Amino acid sequence: MTRVLIVEDDALQSELVRRYLEREGHDVTVLADGAEALAEVRRSAPDLLVLDVMLPGADGLTVCRTLREEQFELPILLLTARSTENDLLIGLELGADDYLAKPYSPRELVARVRALLRRVHRTAPATRVVAVGDLEIDPERRRATLSDRLLDLTRAEFDLLEEFALHPGIVLSRARLLDRLHGTDRWIGGRTIDTHVKNLRAKIEADPQTPSRLLTVYGVGYTLHEG
């Protein structure tokens, strides 16, 4: 049984979400405090974390950053009333795998959880090292290096970079990239892909403002070149 930890200080909302997730067969724990959430993850290592940004004790962004610094790789779904691009960038930069803006439907949250769990359980499509110029991807070890320098990538960033590296020079549509991250749940917006690509460029491009490796093909998608 999959163990899901919900950290949400709105008791009515968290109880509603708990019931929906339990109907899906998940073992659900609910907390309302960020500091308690950190302690619970360290103690029980849940399979997935649903994390509100605004929390007492420690806010959701602090919890997310701390868990990634401590090498916890569980999927993290951020719940946020903040919907500006900067807020979303911060959450994804800190290692969140997806976000859901409030107000949201419990059914939509359940679908996001299902998609994240499916992605985690998906077997890597290759075990050999894939190279695109001086960029190397090791799917089995989930490591990426650029000129022998280890890249610090979130789970989603690695998955996207691997997909690009497996198809160098080929334009990949947002829909295809969403499939890689979320299976067949194409109702999830392409803006998430754009944000991850922006973060990737900051890590692999000499000048992210004028990229030479990860290029935009307007109206179609993105493509990876040697640079």
C-alpha atoms as a PDB file:
ATOM      1  CA  MET A   1       0.000   0.000   0.000  1.00  0.00           C
ATOM      2  CA  THR A   2       1.331   3.418  -0.984  1.00  0.00           C
ATOM      3  CA  ARG A   3       1.915   5.773   1.941  1.00  0.00           C
ATOM      4  CA  VAL A   4       0.980   9.404   1.318  1.00  0.00           C
ATOM      5  CA  LEU A   5       1.741  12.227   3.741  1.00  0.00           C
ATOM      6  CA  ILE A   6      -0.487  15.311   3.488  1.00  0.00           C
ATOM      7  CA  VAL A   7       0.759  18.484   5.160  1.00  0.00           C
ATOM      8  CA  GLU A   8      -2.044  21.053   5.102  1.00  0.00           C
ATOM      9  CA  ASP A   9      -3.207  23.369   7.893  1.00  0.00           C
ATOM     10  CA  ASP A  10      -6.768  23.612   6.545  1.00  0.00           C
ATOM     11  CA  ALA A  11      -8.390  20.775   8.500  1.00  0.00           C
ATOM     12  CA  LEU A  12     -11.532  20.562   6.360  1.00  0.00           C
ATOM     13  CA  GLN A  13      -9.601  20.455   3.099  1.00  0.00           C
ATOM     14  CA  SER A  14      -7.052  17.925   4.346  1.00  0.00           C
ATOM     15  CA  GLU A  15      -9.787  15.621   5.648  1.00  0.00           C
ATOM     16  CA  LEU A  16     -11.592  15.760   2.303  1.00  0.00           C
ATOM     17  CA  VAL A  17      -8.386  14.948   0.430  1.00  0.00           C
ATOM     18  CA  ARG A  18      -7.646  12.140   2.875  1.00  0.00           C
ATOM     19  CA  ARG A  19     -10.975  10.474   2.110  1.00  0.00           C
ATOM     20  CA  TYR A  20     -10.431  10.702  -1.648  1.00  0.00           C
ATOM     21  CA  LEU A  21      -6.916   9.237  -1.416  1.00  0.00           C
ATOM     22  CA  GLU A  22      -8.005   6.453   0.923  1.00  0.00           C
ATOM     23  CA  ARG A  23     -10.665   5.468  -1.617  1.00  0.00           C
ATOM     24  CA  GLU A  24      -7.777   5.030  -4.062  1.00  0.00           C
ATOM     25  CA  GLY A  25      -6.225   2.532  -1.650  1.00  0.00           C
ATOM     26  CA  HIS A  26      -3.519   4.766  -0.177  1.00  0.00           C
ATOM     27  CA  ASP A  27      -2.421   4.791   3.461  1.00  0.00           C
ATOM     28  CA  VAL A  28      -2.765   8.486   4.355  1.00  0.00           C
ATOM     29  CA  THR A  29      -1.270  10.498   7.209  1.00  0.00           C
ATOM     30  CA  VAL A  30      -2.286  14.133   7.752  1.00  0.00           C
ATOM     31  CA  LEU A  31      -0.210  16.786   9.519  1.00  0.00           C
ATOM     32  CA  ALA A  32      -0.641  20.558   9.805  1.00  0.00           C
ATOM     33  CA  ASP A  33       2.875  21.707  10.741  1.00  0.00           C
ATOM     34  CA  GLY A  34       6.000  21.900   8.585  1.00  0.00           C
ATOM     35  CA  ALA A  35       8.443  20.969  11.346  1.00  0.00           C
ATOM     36  CA  GLU A  36       6.339  17.926  12.232  1.00  0.00           C
ATOM     37  CA  ALA A  37       6.289  16.971   8.550  1.00  0.00           C
ATOM     38  CA  LEU A  38      10.090  16.931   8.407  1.00  0.00           C
ATOM     39  CA  ALA A  39      10.223  14.682  11.456  1.00  0.00           C
ATOM     40  CA  GLU A  40       7.595  12.340   9.992  1.00  0.00           C
ATOM     41  CA  VAL A  41       9.373  11.970   6.644  1.00  0.00           C
ATOM     42  CA  ARG A  42      12.633  11.185   8.425  1.00  0.00           C
ATOM     43  CA  ARG A  43      10.868   8.653  10.631  1.00  0.00           C
ATOM     44  CA  SER A  44       8.587   6.824   8.201  1.00  0.00           C
ATOM     45  CA  ALA A  45       9.851   7.681   4.665  1.00  0.00           C
ATOM     46  CA  PRO A  46       6.437   7.984   2.935  1.00  0.00           C
ATOM     47  CA  ASP A  47       6.080   7.271  -0.768  1.00  0.00           C
ATOM     48  CA  LEU A  48       4.721  10.718  -1.667  1.00  0.00           C
ATOM     49  CA  LEU A  49       4.330  14.119  -0.010  1.00  0.00           C
ATOM     50  CA  VAL A  50       1.462  16.542  -0.614  1.00  0.00           C
ATOM     51  CA  LEU A  51       2.779  19.795   0.824  1.00  0.00           C
ATOM     52  CA  ASP A  52       1.069  23.134   1.360  1.00  0.00           C
ATOM     53  CA  VAL A  53       3.354  26.145   0.949  1.00  0.00           C
ATOM     54  CA  MET A  54       1.858  28.208   3.789  1.00  0.00           C
ATOM     55  CA  LEU A  55       2.394  26.262   7.028  1.00  0.00           C
ATOM     56  CA  PRO A  56       3.199  26.921  10.691  1.00  0.00           C
ATOM     57  CA  GLY A  57       6.454  25.578  12.105  1.00  0.00           C
ATOM     58  CA  ALA A  58       8.286  25.588   8.776  1.00  0.00           C
ATOM     59  CA  ASP A  59       6.798  26.702   5.477  1.00  0.00           C
ATOM     60  CA  GLY A  60       6.424  24.275   2.602  1.00  0.00           C
ATOM     61  CA  LEU A  61       9.325  25.666   0.583  1.00  0.00           C
ATOM     62  CA  THR A  62      11.650  25.224   3.567  1.00  0.00           C
ATOM     63  CA  VAL A  63      10.417  21.660   4.043  1.00  0.00           C
ATOM     64  CA  CYS A  64      10.964  20.915   0.344  1.00  0.00           C
ATOM     65  CA  ARG A  65      14.470  22.367   0.311  1.00  0.00           C
ATOM     66  CA  THR A  66      15.462  20.549   3.515  1.00  0.00           C
ATOM     67  CA  LEU A  67      14.265  17.167   2.266  1.00  0.00           C
ATOM     68  CA  ARG A  68      16.141  17.504  -1.019  1.00  0.00           C
ATOM     69  CA  GLU A  69      19.294  18.600   0.813  1.00  0.00           C
ATOM     70  CA  GLU A  70      18.960  15.464   2.949  1.00  0.00           C
ATOM     71  CA  GLN A  71      18.664  13.353  -0.239  1.00  0.00           C
ATOM     72  CA  PHE A  72      15.031  12.306   0.206  1.00  0.00           C
ATOM     73  CA  GLU A  73      13.773  11.525  -3.313  1.00  0.00           C
ATOM     74  CA  LEU A  74      10.066  11.037  -2.647  1.00  0.00           C
ATOM     75  CA  PRO A  75       7.789  12.907  -5.093  1.00  0.00           C
ATOM     76  CA  ILE A  76       6.576  16.250  -3.737  1.00  0.00           C
ATOM     77  CA  LEU A  77       3.348  17.903  -4.872  1.00  0.00           C
ATOM     78  CA  LEU A  78       3.153  21.535  -3.744  1.00  0.00           C
ATOM     79  CA  LEU A  79      -0.188  23.139  -2.925  1.00  0.00           C
ATOM     80  CA  THR A  80      -0.038  26.892  -3.337  1.00  0.00           C
ATOM     81  CA  ALA A  81      -2.335  29.882  -3.353  1.00  0.00           C
ATOM     82  CA  ARG A  82       0.518  31.743  -5.016  1.00  0.00           C
ATOM     83  CA  SER A  83       0.403  31.455  -8.783  1.00  0.00           C
ATOM     84  CA  THR A  84       3.014  33.933 -10.000  1.00  0.00           C
ATOM     85  CA  GLU A  85       5.806  32.598 -12.207  1.00  0.00           C
ATOM     86  CA  ASN A  86       8.449  33.470  -9.611  1.00  0.00           C
ATOM     87  CA  ASP A  87       6.704  31.464  -6.881  1.00  0.00           C
ATOM     88  CA  LEU A  88       6.371  28.469  -9.190  1.00  0.00           C
ATOM     89  CA  LEU A  89      10.011  28.728 -10.224  1.00  0.00           C
ATOM     90  CA  ILE A  90      11.146  28.748  -6.600  1.00  0.00           C
ATOM     91  CA  GLY A  91       9.121  25.646  -5.755  1.00  0.00           C
ATOM     92  CA  LEU A  92      10.354  23.685  -8.763  1.00  0.00           C
ATOM     93  CA  GLU A  93      13.935  24.891  -8.257  1.00  0.00           C
ATOM     94  CA  LEU A  94      13.833  23.557  -4.690  1.00  0.00           C
ATOM     95  CA  GLY A  95      12.919  20.106  -5.967  1.00  0.00           C
ATOM     96  CA  ALA A  96       9.127  19.923  -6.069  1.00  0.00           C
ATOM     97  CA  ASP A  97       7.916  17.568  -8.797  1.00  0.00           C
ATOM     98  CA  ASP A  98       4.613  19.302  -9.502  1.00  0.00           C
ATOM     99  CA  TYR A  99       2.323  21.994  -8.123  1.00  0.00           C
ATOM    100  CA  LEU A 100      -1.401  22.534  -7.756  1.00  0.00           C
ATOM    101  CA  ALA A 101      -2.852  26.017  -7.340  1.00  0.00           C
ATOM    102  CA  LYS A 102      -5.622  26.656  -4.831  1.00  0.00           C
ATOM    103  CA  PRO A 103      -8.538  26.352  -4.966  1.00  0.00           C
ATOM    104  CA  TYR A 104      -8.358  22.861  -6.437  1.00  0.00           C
ATOM    105  CA  SER A 105     -10.633  19.879  -6.877  1.00  0.00           C
ATOM    106  CA  PRO A 106      -9.835  16.827  -4.706  1.00  0.00           C
ATOM    107  CA  ARG A 107     -10.278  14.718  -7.840  1.00  0.00           C
ATOM    108  CA  GLU A 108      -7.627  16.778  -9.601  1.00  0.00           C
ATOM    109  CA  LEU A 109      -5.255  16.257  -6.671  1.00  0.00           C
ATOM    110  CA  VAL A 110      -5.879  12.508  -6.762  1.00  0.00           C
ATOM    111  CA  ALA A 111      -5.075  12.489 -10.489  1.00  0.00           C
ATOM    112  CA  ARG A 112      -1.824  14.384  -9.877  1.00  0.00           C
ATOM    113  CA  VAL A 113      -0.851  11.930  -7.138  1.00  0.00           C
ATOM    114  CA  ARG A 114      -1.609   8.999  -9.437  1.00  0.00           C
ATOM    115  CA  ALA A 115       0.520  10.507 -12.213  1.00  0.00           C
ATOM    116  CA  LEU A 116       3.475  11.202  -9.913  1.00  0.00           C
ATOM    117  CA  LEU A 117       3.429   7.685  -8.505  1.00  0.00           C
ATOM    118  CA  ARG A 118       3.237   6.199 -11.998  1.00  0.00           C
ATOM    119  CA  ARG A 119       6.251   8.244 -13.034  1.00  0.00           C
ATOM    120  CA  VAL A 120       8.292   7.125 -10.023  1.00  0.00           C
ATOM    121  CA  HIS A 121       7.538   3.460 -10.677  1.00  0.00           C
ATOM    122  CA  ARG A 122       8.377   3.686 -14.382  1.00  0.00           C
ATOM    123  CA  THR A 123      11.548   1.805 -15.323  1.00  0.00           C
ATOM    124  CA  ALA A 124      14.290   3.870 -16.912  1.00  0.00           C
ATOM    125  CA  PRO A 125      14.260   3.285 -20.687  1.00  0.00           C
ATOM    126  CA  ALA A 126      18.008   2.684 -20.915  1.00  0.00           C
ATOM    127  CA  THR A 127      20.918   1.578 -18.747  1.00  0.00           C
ATOM    128  CA  ARG A 128      23.816   2.734 -20.919  1.00  0.00           C
ATOM    129  CA  VAL A 129      25.369   6.174 -20.639  1.00  0.00           C
ATOM    130  CA  VAL A 130      23.912   8.538 -23.241  1.00  0.00           C
ATOM    131  CA  ALA A 131      26.143  11.353 -24.519  1.00  0.00           C
ATOM    132  CA  VAL A 132      25.266  14.520 -26.419  1.00  0.00           C
ATOM    133  CA  GLY A 133      28.576  16.283 -26.867  1.00  0.00           C
ATOM    134  CA  ASP A 134      30.093  16.852 -23.423  1.00  0.00           C
ATOM    135  CA  LEU A 135      26.739  16.223 -21.746  1.00  0.00           C
ATOM    136  CA  GLU A 136      26.440  12.663 -20.392  1.00  0.00           C
ATOM    137  CA  ILE A 137      23.353  10.992 -18.911  1.00  0.00           C
ATOM    138  CA  ASP A 138      23.524   7.791 -16.859  1.00  0.00           C
ATOM    139  CA  PRO A 139      19.899   6.556 -16.592  1.00  0.00           C
ATOM    140  CA  GLU A 140      20.681   3.640 -14.280  1.00  0.00           C
ATOM    141  CA  ARG A 141      22.470   5.787 -11.698  1.00  0.00           C
ATOM    142  CA  ARG A 142      20.324   8.845 -12.476  1.00  0.00           C
ATOM    143  CA  ARG A 143      23.410  11.022 -12.866  1.00  0.00           C
ATOM    144  CA  ALA A 144      24.111  13.748 -15.404  1.00  0.00           C
ATOM    145  CA  THR A 145      27.439  15.460 -16.031  1.00  0.00           C
ATOM    146  CA  LEU A 146      28.508  18.390 -18.186  1.00  0.00           C
ATOM    147  CA  SER A 147      32.227  18.458 -19.041  1.00  0.00           C
ATOM    148  CA  ASP A 148      32.683  15.909 -16.214  1.00  0.00           C
ATOM    149  CA  ARG A 149      30.931  18.244 -13.747  1.00  0.00           C
ATOM    150  CA  LEU A 150      28.044  16.620 -11.866  1.00  0.00           C
ATOM    151  CA  LEU A 151      24.759  18.454 -12.432  1.00  0.00           C
ATOM    152  CA  ASP A 152      22.423  19.044  -9.496  1.00  0.00           C
ATOM    153  CA  LEU A 153      19.057  18.156 -11.035  1.00  0.00           C
ATOM    154  CA  THR A 154      15.614  17.615  -9.590  1.00  0.00           C
ATOM    155  CA  ARG A 155      13.796  14.386 -10.462  1.00  0.00           C
ATOM    156  CA  ALA A 156      11.706  16.120 -13.126  1.00  0.00           C
ATOM    157  CA  GLU A 157      14.706  17.917 -14.628  1.00  0.00           C
ATOM    158  CA  PHE A 158      16.622  14.650 -14.929  1.00  0.00           C
ATOM    159  CA  ASP A 159      13.670  12.886 -16.573  1.00  0.00           C
ATOM    160  CA  LEU A 160      13.308  15.658 -19.147  1.00  0.00           C
ATOM    161  CA  LEU A 161      17.039  15.910 -19.842  1.00  0.00           C
ATOM    162  CA  GLU A 162      17.194  12.136 -20.326  1.00  0.00           C
ATOM    163  CA  GLU A 163      14.302  12.292 -22.795  1.00  0.00           C
ATOM    164  CA  PHE A 164      16.061  15.040 -24.758  1.00  0.00           C
ATOM    165  CA  ALA A 165      19.381  13.148 -24.715  1.00  0.00           C
ATOM    166  CA  LEU A 166      17.751   9.976 -26.021  1.00  0.00           C
ATOM    167  CA  HIS A 167      16.460  11.970 -29.022  1.00  0.00           C
ATOM    168  CA  PRO A 168      19.198  14.528 -29.863  1.00  0.00           C
ATOM    169  CA  GLY A 169      18.326  16.993 -32.594  1.00  0.00           C
ATOM    170  CA  ILE A 170      14.681  15.898 -32.599  1.00  0.00           C
ATOM    171  CA  VAL A 171      11.996  18.414 -31.691  1.00  0.00           C
ATOM    172  CA  LEU A 172       9.960  17.084 -28.762  1.00  0.00           C
ATOM    173  CA  SER A 173       6.514  18.579 -28.263  1.00  0.00           C
ATOM    174  CA  ARG A 174       5.221  19.725 -24.887  1.00  0.00           C
ATOM    175  CA  ALA A 175       2.610  16.965 -25.062  1.00  0.00           C
ATOM    176  CA  ARG A 176       5.318  14.323 -25.456  1.00  0.00           C
ATOM    177  CA  LEU A 177       7.344  15.798 -22.603  1.00  0.00           C
ATOM    178  CA  LEU A 178       4.248  15.881 -20.412  1.00  0.00           C
ATOM    179  CA  ASP A 179       3.746  12.203 -21.212  1.00  0.00           C
ATOM    180  CA  ARG A 180       7.260  11.551 -19.899  1.00  0.00           C
ATOM    181  CA  LEU A 181       6.527  13.378 -16.649  1.00  0.00           C
ATOM    182  CA  HIS A 182       2.866  12.536 -16.135  1.00  0.00           C
ATOM    183  CA  GLY A 183       1.917   9.553 -18.277  1.00  0.00           C
ATOM    184  CA  THR A 184      -1.279  10.212 -20.208  1.00  0.00           C
ATOM    185  CA  ASP A 185      -2.595  13.036 -17.981  1.00  0.00           C
ATOM    186  CA  ARG A 186      -2.300  15.641 -20.738  1.00  0.00           C
ATOM    187  CA  TRP A 187      -4.669  18.052 -19.003  1.00  0.00           C
ATOM    188  CA  ILE A 188      -1.676  19.149 -16.922  1.00  0.00           C
ATOM    189  CA  GLY A 189      -0.533  22.433 -18.480  1.00  0.00           C
ATOM    190  CA  GLY A 190       2.542  22.921 -20.626  1.00  0.00           C
ATOM    191  CA  ARG A 191       3.647  25.766 -18.380  1.00  0.00           C
ATOM    192  CA  THR A 192       5.228  23.205 -16.057  1.00  0.00           C
ATOM    193  CA  ILE A 193       7.406  22.006 -18.952  1.00  0.00           C
ATOM    194  CA  ASP A 194       8.418  25.576 -19.802  1.00  0.00           C
ATOM    195  CA  THR A 195       9.467  26.165 -16.195  1.00  0.00           C
ATOM    196  CA  HIS A 196      11.537  22.975 -16.040  1.00  0.00           C
ATOM    197  CA  VAL A 197      13.218  23.860 -19.342  1.00  0.00           C
ATOM    198  CA  LYS A 198      14.067  27.307 -17.986  1.00  0.00           C
ATOM    199  CA  ASN A 199      15.637  25.675 -14.922  1.00  0.00           C
ATOM    200  CA  LEU A 200      17.554  23.185 -17.072  1.00  0.00           C
ATOM    201  CA  ARG A 201      18.986  25.963 -19.207  1.00  0.00           C
ATOM    202  CA  ALA A 202      20.297  27.656 -16.080  1.00  0.00           C
ATOM    203  CA  LYS A 203      22.268  24.479 -15.360  1.00  0.00           C
ATOM    204  CA  ILE A 204      23.540  23.427 -18.801  1.00  0.00           C
ATOM    205  CA  GLU A 205      23.868  26.636 -20.808  1.00  0.00           C
ATOM    206  CA  ALA A 206      26.811  29.050 -20.710  1.00  0.00           C
ATOM    207  CA  ASP A 207      24.260  31.834 -21.235  1.00  0.00           C
ATOM    208  CA  PRO A 208      20.698  30.725 -20.417  1.00  0.00           C
ATOM    209  CA  GLN A 209      19.311  33.870 -22.087  1.00  0.00           C
ATOM    210  CA  THR A 210      20.785  32.822 -25.451  1.00  0.00           C
ATOM    211  CA  PRO A 211      20.774  29.012 -25.283  1.00  0.00           C
ATOM    212  CA  SER A 212      22.895  26.969 -27.679  1.00  0.00           C
ATOM    213  CA  ARG A 213      22.026  23.461 -26.410  1.00  0.00           C
ATOM    214  CA  LEU A 214      18.369  23.335 -25.391  1.00  0.00           C
ATOM    215  CA  LEU A 215      16.551  25.260 -28.101  1.00  0.00           C
ATOM    216  CA  THR A 216      12.956  26.389 -28.486  1.00  0.00           C
ATOM    217  CA  VAL A 217      11.123  25.597 -31.701  1.00  0.00           C
ATOM    218  CA  TYR A 218       8.273  28.069 -31.419  1.00  0.00           C
ATOM    219  CA  GLY A 219       4.835  26.590 -31.659  1.00  0.00           C
ATOM    220  CA  VAL A 220       6.230  23.047 -31.532  1.00  0.00           C
ATOM    221  CA  GLY A 221       8.455  22.302 -28.541  1.00  0.00           C
ATOM    222  CA  TYR A 222      12.135  21.926 -27.653  1.00  0.00           C
ATOM    223  CA  THR A 223      15.223  20.171 -29.009  1.00  0.00           C
ATOM    224  CA  LEU A 224      18.660  19.328 -27.562  1.00  0.00           C
ATOM    225  CA  HIS A 225      21.914  19.867 -29.492  1.00  0.00           C
ATOM    226  CA  GLU A 226      25.586  19.500 -28.638  1.00  0.00           C
ATOM    227  CA  GLY A 227      25.984  23.245 -28.143  1.00  0.00           C
END
